[in-house]
PDB file of N, CA and C in Angstrom:
ATOM      1  N   MET A   1       0.013 -19.458   4.071  1.00  0.00           N
ATOM      2  CA  MET A   1       0.503 -19.590   2.715  1.00  0.00           C
ATOM      3  C   MET A   1       1.401 -18.391   2.409  1.00  0.00           C
ATOM      4  N   THR A   2       2.549 -18.642   1.807  1.00  0.00           N
ATOM      5  CA  THR A   2       3.456 -17.571   1.423  1.00  0.00           C
ATOM      6  C   THR A   2       3.757 -17.672  -0.054  1.00  0.00           C
ATOM      7  N   GLY A   3       4.192 -16.602  -0.623  1.00  0.00           N
ATOM      8  CA  GLY A   3       4.529 -16.545  -2.044  1.00  0.00           C
ATOM      9  C   GLY A   3       4.842 -15.119  -2.411  1.00  0.00           C
ATOM     10  N   THR A   4       4.404 -14.732  -3.587  1.00  0.00           N
ATOM     11  CA  THR A   4       4.603 -13.355  -4.022  1.00  0.00           C
ATOM     12  C   THR A   4       3.304 -12.807  -4.581  1.00  0.00           C
ATOM     13  N   VAL A   5       3.245 -11.497  -4.642  1.00  0.00           N
ATOM     14  CA  VAL A   5       2.119 -10.794  -5.224  1.00  0.00           C
ATOM     15  C   VAL A   5       2.694  -9.686  -6.100  1.00  0.00           C
ATOM     16  N   THR A   6       2.129  -9.532  -7.301  1.00  0.00           N
ATOM     17  CA  THR A   6       2.564  -8.457  -8.197  1.00  0.00           C
ATOM     18  C   THR A   6       1.501  -7.368  -8.193  1.00  0.00           C
ATOM     19  N   LEU A   7       1.934  -6.163  -7.862  1.00  0.00           N
ATOM     20  CA  LEU A   7       1.054  -4.995  -7.752  1.00  0.00           C
ATOM     21  C   LEU A   7       1.538  -3.900  -8.677  1.00  0.00           C
ATOM     22  N   THR A   8       0.674  -2.946  -8.929  1.00  0.00           N
ATOM     23  CA  THR A   8       1.090  -1.708  -9.573  1.00  0.00           C
ATOM     24  C   THR A   8       1.083  -0.653  -8.479  1.00  0.00           C
ATOM     25  N   LEU A   9       2.243  -0.090  -8.208  1.00  0.00           N
ATOM     26  CA  LEU A   9       2.398   0.886  -7.140  1.00  0.00           C
ATOM     27  C   LEU A   9       2.827   2.215  -7.736  1.00  0.00           C
ATOM     28  N   ASN A  10       1.939   3.189  -7.661  1.00  0.00           N
ATOM     29  CA  ASN A  10       2.178   4.510  -8.259  1.00  0.00           C
ATOM     30  C   ASN A  10       2.632   4.373  -9.719  1.00  0.00           C
ATOM     31  N   GLY A  11       1.966   3.486 -10.449  1.00  0.00           N
ATOM     32  CA  GLY A  11       2.220   3.305 -11.873  1.00  0.00           C
ATOM     33  C   GLY A  11       3.348   2.362 -12.225  1.00  0.00           C
ATOM     34  N   GLU A  12       4.018   1.796 -11.211  1.00  0.00           N
ATOM     35  CA  GLU A  12       5.171   0.922 -11.447  1.00  0.00           C
ATOM     36  C   GLU A  12       4.858  -0.494 -10.936  1.00  0.00           C
ATOM     37  N   SER A  13       5.137  -1.500 -11.753  1.00  0.00           N
ATOM     38  CA  SER A  13       4.907  -2.879 -11.348  1.00  0.00           C
ATOM     39  C   SER A  13       5.942  -3.305 -10.320  1.00  0.00           C
ATOM     40  N   ARG A  14       5.466  -3.951  -9.242  1.00  0.00           N
ATOM     41  CA  ARG A  14       6.353  -4.443  -8.177  1.00  0.00           C
ATOM     42  C   ARG A  14       5.916  -5.845  -7.776  1.00  0.00           C
ATOM     43  N   THR A  15       6.873  -6.714  -7.557  1.00  0.00           N
ATOM     44  CA  THR A  15       6.598  -8.048  -7.041  1.00  0.00           C
ATOM     45  C   THR A  15       7.141  -8.097  -5.619  1.00  0.00           C
ATOM     46  N   LEU A  16       6.258  -8.436  -4.678  1.00  0.00           N
ATOM     47  CA  LEU A  16       6.597  -8.410  -3.262  1.00  0.00           C
ATOM     48  C   LEU A  16       6.207  -9.724  -2.597  1.00  0.00           C
ATOM     49  N   ALA A  17       6.780  -9.965  -1.425  1.00  0.00           N
ATOM     50  CA  ALA A  17       6.439 -11.161  -0.658  1.00  0.00           C
ATOM     51  C   ALA A  17       4.992 -11.078  -0.190  1.00  0.00           C
ATOM     52  N   ALA A  18       4.310 -12.200  -0.206  1.00  0.00           N
ATOM     53  CA  ALA A  18       2.916 -12.276   0.222  1.00  0.00           C
ATOM     54  C   ALA A  18       2.808 -13.313   1.330  1.00  0.00           C
ATOM     55  N   PRO A  19       1.815 -13.227   2.180  1.00  0.00           N
ATOM     56  CA  PRO A  19       0.763 -12.202   2.205  1.00  0.00           C
ATOM     57  C   PRO A  19       1.289 -10.855   2.667  1.00  0.00           C
ATOM     58  N   LEU A  20       0.632  -9.793   2.216  1.00  0.00           N
ATOM     59  CA  LEU A  20       1.072  -8.436   2.499  1.00  0.00           C
ATOM     60  C   LEU A  20      -0.145  -7.557   2.750  1.00  0.00           C
ATOM     61  N   THR A  21      -0.106  -6.806   3.834  1.00  0.00           N
ATOM     62  CA  THR A  21      -1.155  -5.837   4.122  1.00  0.00           C
ATOM     63  C   THR A  21      -0.714  -4.448   3.695  1.00  0.00           C
ATOM     64  N   VAL A  22      -1.643  -3.526   3.669  1.00  0.00           N
ATOM     65  CA  VAL A  22      -1.290  -2.136   3.363  1.00  0.00           C
ATOM     66  C   VAL A  22      -0.279  -1.634   4.385  1.00  0.00           C
ATOM     67  N   SER A  23      -0.502  -1.941   5.653  1.00  0.00           N
ATOM     68  CA  SER A  23       0.417  -1.542   6.710  1.00  0.00           C
ATOM     69  C   SER A  23       1.815  -2.116   6.478  1.00  0.00           C
ATOM     70  N   GLY A  24       1.893  -3.384   6.132  1.00  0.00           N
ATOM     71  CA  GLY A  24       3.177  -4.020   5.862  1.00  0.00           C
ATOM     72  C   GLY A  24       3.882  -3.399   4.676  1.00  0.00           C
ATOM     73  N   LEU A  25       3.131  -3.048   3.651  1.00  0.00           N
ATOM     74  CA  LEU A  25       3.715  -2.393   2.475  1.00  0.00           C
ATOM     75  C   LEU A  25       4.298  -1.035   2.859  1.00  0.00           C
ATOM     76  N   LEU A  26       3.531  -0.265   3.613  1.00  0.00           N
ATOM     77  CA  LEU A  26       4.011   1.058   4.021  1.00  0.00           C
ATOM     78  C   LEU A  26       5.279   0.933   4.865  1.00  0.00           C
ATOM     79  N   ASP A  27       5.290  -0.033   5.784  1.00  0.00           N
ATOM     80  CA  ASP A  27       6.489  -0.257   6.606  1.00  0.00           C
ATOM     81  C   ASP A  27       7.688  -0.603   5.736  1.00  0.00           C
ATOM     82  N   SER A  28       7.486  -1.491   4.768  1.00  0.00           N
ATOM     83  CA  SER A  28       8.611  -1.919   3.927  1.00  0.00           C
ATOM     84  C   SER A  28       9.151  -0.788   3.055  1.00  0.00           C
ATOM     85  N   LEU A  29       8.289   0.182   2.757  1.00  0.00           N
ATOM     86  CA  LEU A  29       8.710   1.315   1.948  1.00  0.00           C
ATOM     87  C   LEU A  29       9.223   2.478   2.787  1.00  0.00           C
ATOM     88  N   GLY A  30       9.108   2.360   4.116  1.00  0.00           N
ATOM     89  CA  GLY A  30       9.591   3.402   5.004  1.00  0.00           C
ATOM     90  C   GLY A  30       8.663   4.588   5.160  1.00  0.00           C
ATOM     91  N   PHE A  31       7.375   4.386   4.863  1.00  0.00           N
ATOM     92  CA  PHE A  31       6.394   5.462   5.010  1.00  0.00           C
ATOM     93  C   PHE A  31       5.774   5.449   6.393  1.00  0.00           C
ATOM     94  N   ASP A  32       5.508   6.627   6.927  1.00  0.00           N
ATOM     95  CA  ASP A  32       4.765   6.779   8.171  1.00  0.00           C
ATOM     96  C   ASP A  32       3.286   6.751   7.800  1.00  0.00           C
ATOM     97  N   ALA A  33       2.558   5.755   8.289  1.00  0.00           N
ATOM     98  CA  ALA A  33       1.147   5.579   7.921  1.00  0.00           C
ATOM     99  C   ALA A  33       0.297   6.795   8.263  1.00  0.00           C
ATOM    100  N   ARG A  34       0.764   7.611   9.202  1.00  0.00           N
ATOM    101  CA  ARG A  34       0.001   8.808   9.584  1.00  0.00           C
ATOM    102  C   ARG A  34       0.142   9.938   8.570  1.00  0.00           C
ATOM    103  N   LYS A  35       1.127   9.795   7.659  1.00  0.00           N
ATOM    104  CA  LYS A  35       1.423  10.890   6.726  1.00  0.00           C
ATOM    105  C   LYS A  35       1.189  10.523   5.272  1.00  0.00           C
ATOM    106  N   VAL A  36       0.390   9.480   5.028  1.00  0.00           N
ATOM    107  CA  VAL A  36       0.089   9.095   3.656  1.00  0.00           C
ATOM    108  C   VAL A  36      -1.388   8.794   3.500  1.00  0.00           C
ATOM    109  N   ALA A  37      -1.831   8.832   2.265  1.00  0.00           N
ATOM    110  CA  ALA A  37      -3.149   8.346   1.889  1.00  0.00           C
ATOM    111  C   ALA A  37      -2.922   7.226   0.887  1.00  0.00           C
ATOM    112  N   VAL A  38      -3.706   6.159   1.007  1.00  0.00           N
ATOM    113  CA  VAL A  38      -3.555   5.003   0.129  1.00  0.00           C
ATOM    114  C   VAL A  38      -4.859   4.762  -0.618  1.00  0.00           C
ATOM    115  N   GLU A  39      -4.724   4.649  -1.939  1.00  0.00           N
ATOM    116  CA  GLU A  39      -5.848   4.305  -2.793  1.00  0.00           C
ATOM    117  C   GLU A  39      -5.573   2.919  -3.367  1.00  0.00           C
ATOM    118  N   ARG A  40      -6.533   2.019  -3.226  1.00  0.00           N
ATOM    119  CA  ARG A  40      -6.407   0.655  -3.763  1.00  0.00           C
ATOM    120  C   ARG A  40      -7.541   0.434  -4.763  1.00  0.00           C
ATOM    121  N   ASN A  41      -7.166   0.170  -5.992  1.00  0.00           N
ATOM    122  CA  ASN A  41      -8.156  -0.060  -7.048  1.00  0.00           C
ATOM    123  C   ASN A  41      -9.205   1.048  -7.100  1.00  0.00           C
ATOM    124  N   GLU A  42      -8.700   2.275  -7.047  1.00  0.00           N
ATOM    125  CA  GLU A  42      -9.498   3.495  -7.180  1.00  0.00           C
ATOM    126  C   GLU A  42     -10.424   3.769  -5.999  1.00  0.00           C
ATOM    127  N   GLU A  43     -10.150   3.150  -4.840  1.00  0.00           N
ATOM    128  CA  GLU A  43     -10.915   3.429  -3.630  1.00  0.00           C
ATOM    129  C   GLU A  43      -9.948   3.725  -2.493  1.00  0.00           C
ATOM    130  N   ILE A  44     -10.245   4.780  -1.735  1.00  0.00           N
ATOM    131  CA  ILE A  44      -9.416   5.139  -0.600  1.00  0.00           C
ATOM    132  C   ILE A  44      -9.517   4.046   0.465  1.00  0.00           C
ATOM    133  N   VAL A  45      -8.374   3.637   0.994  1.00  0.00           N
ATOM    134  CA  VAL A  45      -8.349   2.671   2.095  1.00  0.00           C
ATOM    135  C   VAL A  45      -8.345   3.481   3.396  1.00  0.00           C
ATOM    136  N   PRO A  46      -9.361   3.305   4.252  1.00  0.00           N
ATOM    137  CA  PRO A  46      -9.343   4.019   5.532  1.00  0.00           C
ATOM    138  C   PRO A  46      -8.123   3.620   6.357  1.00  0.00           C
ATOM    139  N   ARG A  47      -7.499   4.576   6.992  1.00  0.00           N
ATOM    140  CA  ARG A  47      -6.295   4.321   7.787  1.00  0.00           C
ATOM    141  C   ARG A  47      -6.562   3.233   8.835  1.00  0.00           C
ATOM    142  N   SER A  48      -7.757   3.169   9.361  1.00  0.00           N
ATOM    143  CA  SER A  48      -8.110   2.170  10.374  1.00  0.00           C
ATOM    144  C   SER A  48      -8.081   0.745   9.827  1.00  0.00           C
ATOM    145  N   LEU A  49      -8.059   0.597   8.505  1.00  0.00           N
ATOM    146  CA  LEU A  49      -8.060  -0.738   7.882  1.00  0.00           C
ATOM    147  C   LEU A  49      -6.706  -1.127   7.293  1.00  0.00           C
ATOM    148  N   TYR A  50      -5.691  -0.291   7.431  1.00  0.00           N
ATOM    149  CA  TYR A  50      -4.391  -0.607   6.845  1.00  0.00           C
ATOM    150  C   TYR A  50      -3.856  -1.962   7.313  1.00  0.00           C
ATOM    151  N   ALA A  51      -3.987  -2.268   8.597  1.00  0.00           N
ATOM    152  CA  ALA A  51      -3.417  -3.493   9.154  1.00  0.00           C
ATOM    153  C   ALA A  51      -4.168  -4.746   8.728  1.00  0.00           C
ATOM    154  N   THR A  52      -5.410  -4.604   8.304  1.00  0.00           N
ATOM    155  CA  THR A  52      -6.218  -5.782   7.953  1.00  0.00           C
ATOM    156  C   THR A  52      -6.518  -5.902   6.464  1.00  0.00           C
ATOM    157  N   THR A  53      -6.127  -4.919   5.677  1.00  0.00           N
ATOM    158  CA  THR A  53      -6.378  -4.962   4.231  1.00  0.00           C
ATOM    159  C   THR A  53      -5.248  -5.721   3.556  1.00  0.00           C
ATOM    160  N   ILE A  54      -5.555  -6.940   3.112  1.00  0.00           N
ATOM    161  CA  ILE A  54      -4.555  -7.783   2.461  1.00  0.00           C
ATOM    162  C   ILE A  54      -4.542  -7.477   0.967  1.00  0.00           C
ATOM    163  N   LEU A  55      -3.352  -7.231   0.452  1.00  0.00           N
ATOM    164  CA  LEU A  55      -3.200  -6.905  -0.959  1.00  0.00           C
ATOM    165  C   LEU A  55      -3.240  -8.165  -1.815  1.00  0.00           C
ATOM    166  N   ALA A  56      -3.872  -8.048  -2.967  1.00  0.00           N
ATOM    167  CA  ALA A  56      -4.066  -9.193  -3.853  1.00  0.00           C
ATOM    168  C   ALA A  56      -3.350  -8.990  -5.177  1.00  0.00           C
ATOM    169  N   GLN A  57      -3.094 -10.092  -5.842  1.00  0.00           N
ATOM    170  CA  GLN A  57      -2.468 -10.082  -7.173  1.00  0.00           C
ATOM    171  C   GLN A  57      -3.206  -9.107  -8.068  1.00  0.00           C
ATOM    172  N   GLY A  58      -2.465  -8.201  -8.700  1.00  0.00           N
ATOM    173  CA  GLY A  58      -3.048  -7.276  -9.674  1.00  0.00           C
ATOM    174  C   GLY A  58      -3.602  -5.995  -9.090  1.00  0.00           C
ATOM    175  N   ASP A  59      -3.567  -5.836  -7.756  1.00  0.00           N
ATOM    176  CA  ASP A  59      -4.058  -4.594  -7.172  1.00  0.00           C
ATOM    177  C   ASP A  59      -3.270  -3.408  -7.729  1.00  0.00           C
ATOM    178  N   ALA A  60      -3.975  -2.299  -7.889  1.00  0.00           N
ATOM    179  CA  ALA A  60      -3.339  -1.042  -8.303  1.00  0.00           C
ATOM    180  C   ALA A  60      -3.417  -0.092  -7.126  1.00  0.00           C
ATOM    181  N   LEU A  61      -2.255   0.359  -6.665  1.00  0.00           N
ATOM    182  CA  LEU A  61      -2.193   1.237  -5.504  1.00  0.00           C
ATOM    183  C   LEU A  61      -1.566   2.564  -5.860  1.00  0.00           C
ATOM    184  N   GLU A  62      -2.082   3.595  -5.243  1.00  0.00           N
ATOM    185  CA  GLU A  62      -1.490   4.917  -5.321  1.00  0.00           C
ATOM    186  C   GLU A  62      -1.246   5.351  -3.888  1.00  0.00           C
ATOM    187  N   ILE A  63      -0.040   5.757  -3.583  1.00  0.00           N
ATOM    188  CA  ILE A  63       0.304   6.248  -2.252  1.00  0.00           C
ATOM    189  C   ILE A  63       0.711   7.704  -2.400  1.00  0.00           C
ATOM    190  N   VAL A  64       0.035   8.556  -1.631  1.00  0.00           N
ATOM    191  CA  VAL A  64       0.314   9.985  -1.662  1.00  0.00           C
ATOM    192  C   VAL A  64       0.887  10.364  -0.316  1.00  0.00           C
ATOM    193  N   HIS A  65       2.056  10.969  -0.299  1.00  0.00           N
ATOM    194  CA  HIS A  65       2.754  11.366   0.915  1.00  0.00           C
ATOM    195  C   HIS A  65       2.471  12.822   1.174  1.00  0.00           C
ATOM    196  N   PHE A  66       1.994  13.146   2.375  1.00  0.00           N
ATOM    197  CA  PHE A  66       1.705  14.528   2.739  1.00  0.00           C
ATOM    198  C   PHE A  66       2.978  15.228   3.167  1.00  0.00           C
ATOM    199  N   ILE A  67       3.170  16.431   2.679  1.00  0.00           N
ATOM    200  CA  ILE A  67       4.343  17.215   3.033  1.00  0.00           C
ATOM    201  C   ILE A  67       3.863  18.510   3.667  1.00  0.00           C
ATOM    202  N   GLY A  68       4.328  18.768   4.880  1.00  0.00           N
ATOM    203  CA  GLY A  68       3.926  19.973   5.587  1.00  0.00           C
ATOM    204  C   GLY A  68       4.806  21.163   5.172  1.00  0.00           C
ATOM    205  N   GLY A  69       4.308  22.292   5.435  1.00  0.00           N
ATOM    206  CA  GLY A  69       5.078  23.498   5.133  1.00  0.00           C
ATOM    207  C   GLY A  69       4.186  24.717   5.229  1.00  0.00           C
ATOM    208  N   GLY A  70       4.741  25.818   4.906  1.00  0.00           N
ATOM    209  CA  GLY A  70       3.871  26.962   4.995  1.00  0.00           C
ATOM    210  C   GLY A  70       4.549  28.253   4.848  1.00  0.00           C
TER     211      GLY A  70
END
């Protein structure tokens, strides 16, 4: 089944093609999955589950990008 899903991503509403996984979302946004943390509906998504976590209508996501330095 294909269609769209509307999510809140870092406080901004986005409508994207569905079905969509966390991994697919990160790829479409150009993020390296090794350098971000993803929170879905106020729960951290383990990196090991990015490829299998399917995003649903109304999900609220926060993506935090790690920046190295020193």
